């Protein structure tokens, strides 16, 4: 193992063992709705691990742009990939830092007044630096991280990546240097004077669910849905609704 790789693994272990909260600084400090903020590393990671798409912001020719990107997380690293001419990734590599936000919508908060309508959500915003991954083995590990982040065990169930595919893919590694999260998980917050109004108020919970897998029409005979796909379906399928 080379010295750089050894240092990276050592830093990651220290990060997991010691880093409990991100330091609150001007960059990551939540100012609006600060009571909903958390800088807890485990809570930030939980939000990241519950998602698969993040919104990455960058500047191109003086214009601010934000795009959704699939990602993978390993310790304090986020992996992104695209073509060798991907405008966003190339712009980020030329810049001094990167930012990405992941958000989960959990419920509509329907109040008695328009002003107090809101949503319940979990969001995490990351700030860090990016480097291009050049080593072929590390590139493959990063791409495995992205694929398995989508569905655990998927990488082992697909064909090996071809060299030309690996050579034609730009992979970048973002080190999470600081971050913050915001979470709203409470009910309606109406004015006291409105509570007696004959207007329904409450939460409408929302959840992303998996439907039964649909096999590709061109599959050879005898190819069954793999266990890891069915496991994902069973974990994320609609479980029914309990009505009050």
Protein backbone atom coordinates (compact mmCIF):
# COMPACT_ATOMS: atom_id res chain seq x y z
CA UNK A 1 0.00 0.00 0.00
CA UNK A 2 1.42 3.40 -0.94
CA UNK A 3 1.93 6.21 1.57
CA UNK A 4 -0.95 8.33 0.22
CA UNK A 5 -3.45 5.48 0.48
CA UNK A 6 -2.22 4.62 3.98
CA UNK A 7 -2.68 8.22 5.14
CA UNK A 8 -6.16 8.38 3.60
CA UNK A 9 -7.28 5.23 5.43
CA UNK A 10 -5.74 6.45 8.68
CA UNK A 11 -7.53 9.81 8.36
CA UNK A 12 -10.84 8.08 7.63
CA UNK A 13 -10.50 5.93 10.74
CA UNK A 14 -9.71 8.99 12.86
CA UNK A 15 -12.69 10.79 11.30
CA UNK A 16 -15.08 7.96 12.20
CA UNK A 17 -13.70 7.55 15.73
CA UNK A 18 -13.19 11.14 16.86
CA UNK A 19 -15.31 13.40 14.67
CA UNK A 20 -18.69 13.54 16.41
CA UNK A 21 -19.82 16.98 15.32
CA UNK A 22 -18.81 19.36 12.57
CA UNK A 23 -17.35 22.60 13.86
CA UNK A 24 -19.84 25.47 13.44
CA UNK A 25 -18.31 28.10 11.19
CA UNK A 26 -19.57 30.87 8.93
CA UNK A 27 -19.79 28.49 5.97
CA UNK A 28 -21.95 25.76 7.50
CA UNK A 29 -23.82 27.68 10.21
CA UNK A 30 -27.60 27.43 9.82
CA UNK A 31 -29.08 30.89 10.35
CA UNK A 32 -32.75 30.53 9.42
CA UNK A 33 -34.52 27.92 11.51
CA UNK A 34 -31.41 27.37 13.61
CA UNK A 35 -33.48 25.40 16.14
CA UNK A 36 -33.80 22.66 13.50
CA UNK A 37 -30.10 22.50 12.80
CA UNK A 38 -27.75 19.71 13.73
CA UNK A 39 -24.03 19.32 13.15
CA UNK A 40 -23.92 15.74 14.35
CA UNK A 41 -21.80 13.63 11.98
CA UNK A 42 -23.90 10.47 12.38
CA UNK A 43 -27.13 12.33 11.63
CA UNK A 44 -25.61 13.94 8.54
CA UNK A 45 -24.34 10.55 7.35
CA UNK A 46 -27.75 8.96 7.96
CA UNK A 47 -29.36 11.54 5.68
CA UNK A 48 -26.72 10.90 3.01
CA UNK A 49 -27.09 7.14 3.27
CA UNK A 50 -30.88 7.32 2.97
CA UNK A 51 -30.56 9.02 -0.42
CA UNK A 52 -28.88 8.47 -3.73
CA UNK A 53 -29.18 11.82 -5.54
CA UNK A 54 -27.63 15.07 -4.37
CA UNK A 55 -27.82 18.58 -5.79
CA UNK A 56 -24.33 19.81 -6.61
CA UNK A 57 -23.68 23.50 -7.11
CA UNK A 58 -20.97 25.04 -9.24
CA UNK A 59 -20.13 28.18 -11.21
CA UNK A 60 -19.64 28.12 -14.98
CA UNK A 61 -18.60 31.28 -16.81
CA UNK A 62 -19.84 33.39 -13.92
CA UNK A 63 -23.25 31.69 -13.74
CA UNK A 64 -24.44 29.67 -10.74
CA UNK A 65 -25.78 26.22 -11.68
CA UNK A 66 -27.14 23.36 -9.57
CA UNK A 67 -27.60 19.83 -10.93
CA UNK A 68 -28.78 16.51 -9.47
CA UNK A 69 -26.04 13.87 -9.33
CA UNK A 70 -25.90 10.26 -8.20
CA UNK A 71 -23.32 9.76 -5.47
CA UNK A 72 -21.77 7.23 -3.16
CA UNK A 73 -20.43 7.76 0.36
CA UNK A 74 -17.51 6.04 2.10
CA UNK A 75 -16.55 7.47 5.49
CA UNK A 76 -16.01 11.20 4.91
CA UNK A 77 -15.76 10.88 1.11
CA UNK A 78 -18.40 11.50 -1.54
CA UNK A 79 -17.86 10.05 -5.02
CA UNK A 80 -19.27 11.56 -8.22
CA UNK A 81 -18.74 10.45 -11.79
CA UNK A 82 -19.44 11.52 -15.35
CA UNK A 83 -17.92 11.72 -18.80
CA UNK A 84 -14.38 13.01 -19.30
CA UNK A 85 -15.88 16.27 -20.62
CA UNK A 86 -18.47 16.69 -17.86
CA UNK A 87 -18.76 20.47 -17.51
CA UNK A 88 -19.78 20.40 -13.88
CA UNK A 89 -17.04 18.08 -12.65
CA UNK A 90 -14.35 19.89 -14.64
CA UNK A 91 -15.53 23.25 -13.26
CA UNK A 92 -15.46 21.90 -9.71
CA UNK A 93 -11.94 20.54 -10.16
CA UNK A 94 -10.83 23.98 -11.35
CA UNK A 95 -12.46 25.71 -8.38
CA UNK A 96 -11.56 25.97 -4.71
CA UNK A 97 -14.38 23.95 -3.19
CA UNK A 98 -17.69 22.20 -3.68
CA UNK A 99 -21.13 22.09 -2.10
CA UNK A 100 -23.82 19.40 -2.27
CA UNK A 101 -27.26 19.12 -0.68
CA UNK A 102 -29.35 15.99 -0.11
CA UNK A 103 -32.98 16.35 0.98
CA UNK A 104 -35.81 13.96 1.89
CA UNK A 105 -39.42 15.17 1.93
CA UNK A 106 -41.30 13.36 4.72
CA UNK A 107 -44.66 15.13 5.00
CA UNK A 108 -46.78 18.07 3.92
CA UNK A 109 -47.70 20.22 6.92
CA UNK A 110 -51.20 21.54 6.22
CA UNK A 111 -52.07 24.35 8.59
CA UNK A 112 -55.15 26.49 9.17
CA UNK A 113 -53.49 29.46 7.49
CA UNK A 114 -51.37 29.70 4.39
CA UNK A 115 -48.53 31.32 6.29
CA UNK A 116 -48.02 28.28 8.50
CA UNK A 117 -48.04 25.64 5.77
CA UNK A 118 -44.72 23.84 5.75
CA UNK A 119 -43.09 20.47 5.14
CA UNK A 120 -41.35 17.92 7.31
CA UNK A 121 -37.96 17.07 5.89
CA UNK A 122 -34.38 15.96 6.47
CA UNK A 123 -31.63 17.80 4.61
CA UNK A 124 -27.85 17.85 4.72
CA UNK A 125 -25.52 20.34 3.07
CA UNK A 126 -21.89 19.43 2.57
CA UNK A 127 -18.84 21.57 1.87
CA UNK A 128 -15.48 20.21 0.80
CA UNK A 129 -12.66 19.94 -1.67
CA UNK A 130 -12.49 17.77 -4.77
CA UNK A 131 -9.73 15.76 -6.39
CA UNK A 132 -9.70 13.72 -9.57
CA UNK A 133 -9.16 10.01 -9.02
CA UNK A 134 -6.54 8.73 -11.44
CA UNK A 135 -5.51 5.33 -10.10
CA UNK A 136 -7.59 2.67 -11.96
CA UNK A 137 -8.11 0.50 -8.86
CA UNK A 138 -9.27 3.45 -6.78
CA UNK A 139 -11.56 4.59 -9.61
CA UNK A 140 -13.17 1.17 -9.68
CA UNK A 141 -13.61 1.18 -5.89
CA UNK A 142 -15.25 4.59 -6.12
CA UNK A 143 -17.64 3.46 -8.85
CA UNK A 144 -18.48 0.36 -6.81
CA UNK A 145 -19.30 2.69 -3.93
CA UNK A 146 -21.75 4.63 -6.14
CA UNK A 147 -23.44 1.49 -7.50
CA UNK A 148 -23.73 -0.16 -4.09
CA UNK A 149 -25.01 3.09 -2.61
CA UNK A 150 -27.94 2.76 -5.01
CA UNK A 151 -28.53 -0.87 -4.02
CA UNK A 152 -26.44 -2.89 -1.61
CA UNK A 153 -24.83 -5.89 -3.26
CA UNK A 154 -25.49 -4.71 -6.82
CA UNK A 155 -21.84 -4.46 -7.88
CA UNK A 156 -21.24 -8.18 -7.29
CA UNK A 157 -24.24 -9.04 -9.46
CA UNK A 158 -23.12 -7.24 -12.63
CA UNK A 159 -20.37 -7.86 -15.18
CA UNK A 160 -16.88 -6.48 -14.52
CA UNK A 161 -16.19 -3.00 -15.84
CA UNK A 162 -14.26 -2.87 -19.11
CA UNK A 163 -10.98 -0.95 -19.27
CA UNK A 164 -12.33 1.38 -21.96
CA UNK A 165 -15.32 2.18 -19.74
CA UNK A 166 -13.06 2.92 -16.79
CA UNK A 167 -10.71 5.03 -18.94
CA UNK A 168 -13.68 6.98 -20.34
CA UNK A 169 -15.15 7.88 -16.95
CA UNK A 170 -14.21 10.91 -14.88
CA UNK A 171 -14.42 10.12 -11.16
CA UNK A 172 -13.96 12.73 -8.46
CA UNK A 173 -13.66 12.42 -4.71
CA UNK A 174 -15.11 15.08 -2.43
CA UNK A 175 -13.78 15.19 1.11
CA UNK A 176 -16.47 16.41 3.50
CA UNK A 177 -14.66 19.14 5.41
CA UNK A 178 -17.72 20.58 7.09
CA UNK A 179 -21.48 20.12 6.92
CA UNK A 180 -24.79 20.86 8.60
CA UNK A 181 -28.25 19.33 8.58
CA UNK A 182 -31.77 20.63 9.13
CA UNK A 183 -34.63 18.44 10.29
CA UNK A 184 -38.30 19.28 10.76
CA UNK A 185 -40.33 16.41 12.20
CA UNK A 186 -43.16 18.08 14.11
CA UNK A 187 -46.80 18.89 13.48
CA UNK A 188 -48.77 22.02 12.64
CA UNK A 189 -47.72 25.28 14.28
CA UNK A 190 -50.80 27.48 13.99
CA UNK A 191 -51.72 30.68 15.79
CA UNK A 192 -53.62 30.02 19.03
CA UNK A 193 -56.52 32.18 17.87
CA UNK A 194 -56.93 29.93 14.79
CA UNK A 195 -57.24 26.64 16.68
CA UNK A 196 -61.03 26.96 17.06
CA UNK A 197 -61.62 27.52 13.35
CA UNK A 198 -63.56 24.75 11.54
CA UNK A 199 -60.60 24.11 9.22
CA UNK A 200 -58.87 20.75 8.93
CA UNK A 201 -55.16 20.80 9.71
CA UNK A 202 -52.58 18.05 10.01
CA UNK A 203 -49.81 16.11 8.32
CA UNK A 204 -49.88 14.28 5.02
CA UNK A 205 -46.96 11.82 5.30
CA UNK A 206 -44.97 11.14 2.12
CA UNK A 207 -42.68 8.23 1.39
CA UNK A 208 -40.77 6.90 -1.60
CA UNK A 209 -41.56 3.21 -2.05
CA UNK A 210 -40.35 0.44 -4.34
CA UNK A 211 -42.75 -1.43 -6.62
CA UNK A 212 -42.21 -5.03 -7.71
CA UNK A 213 -39.17 -5.34 -10.04
CA UNK A 214 -39.90 -5.46 -13.78
CA UNK A 215 -37.55 -7.79 -15.68
CA UNK A 216 -36.07 -6.51 -18.94
CA UNK A 217 -37.87 -7.92 -21.98
CA UNK A 218 -34.57 -9.05 -23.56
CA UNK A 219 -33.37 -11.20 -20.65
CA UNK A 220 -32.31 -14.73 -21.64
CA UNK A 221 -34.60 -17.52 -20.47
CA UNK A 222 -34.06 -18.65 -16.92
CA UNK A 223 -32.60 -15.39 -15.57
CA UNK A 224 -34.42 -14.75 -12.30
CA UNK A 225 -34.65 -11.58 -10.24
CA UNK A 226 -31.53 -11.67 -7.99
CA UNK A 227 -31.76 -11.86 -4.22
CA UNK A 228 -30.27 -8.41 -3.62
CA UNK A 229 -32.95 -6.81 -5.84
CA UNK A 230 -35.75 -8.67 -4.06
CA UNK A 231 -34.23 -7.76 -0.69
CA UNK A 232 -34.31 -4.08 -1.65
CA UNK A 233 -37.91 -4.44 -2.80
CA UNK A 234 -39.00 -6.17 0.41
CA UNK A 235 -37.33 -3.50 2.53
CA UNK A 236 -38.75 -0.55 0.60
CA UNK A 237 -42.13 -1.75 -0.63
CA UNK A 238 -45.40 -0.18 0.48
CA UNK A 239 -46.26 -1.55 3.91
CA UNK A 240 -49.86 -0.36 4.13
CA UNK A 241 -51.42 2.60 5.88
CA UNK A 242 -52.82 2.84 9.41
CA UNK A 243 -55.69 5.31 9.56
CA UNK A 244 -56.83 7.05 12.71
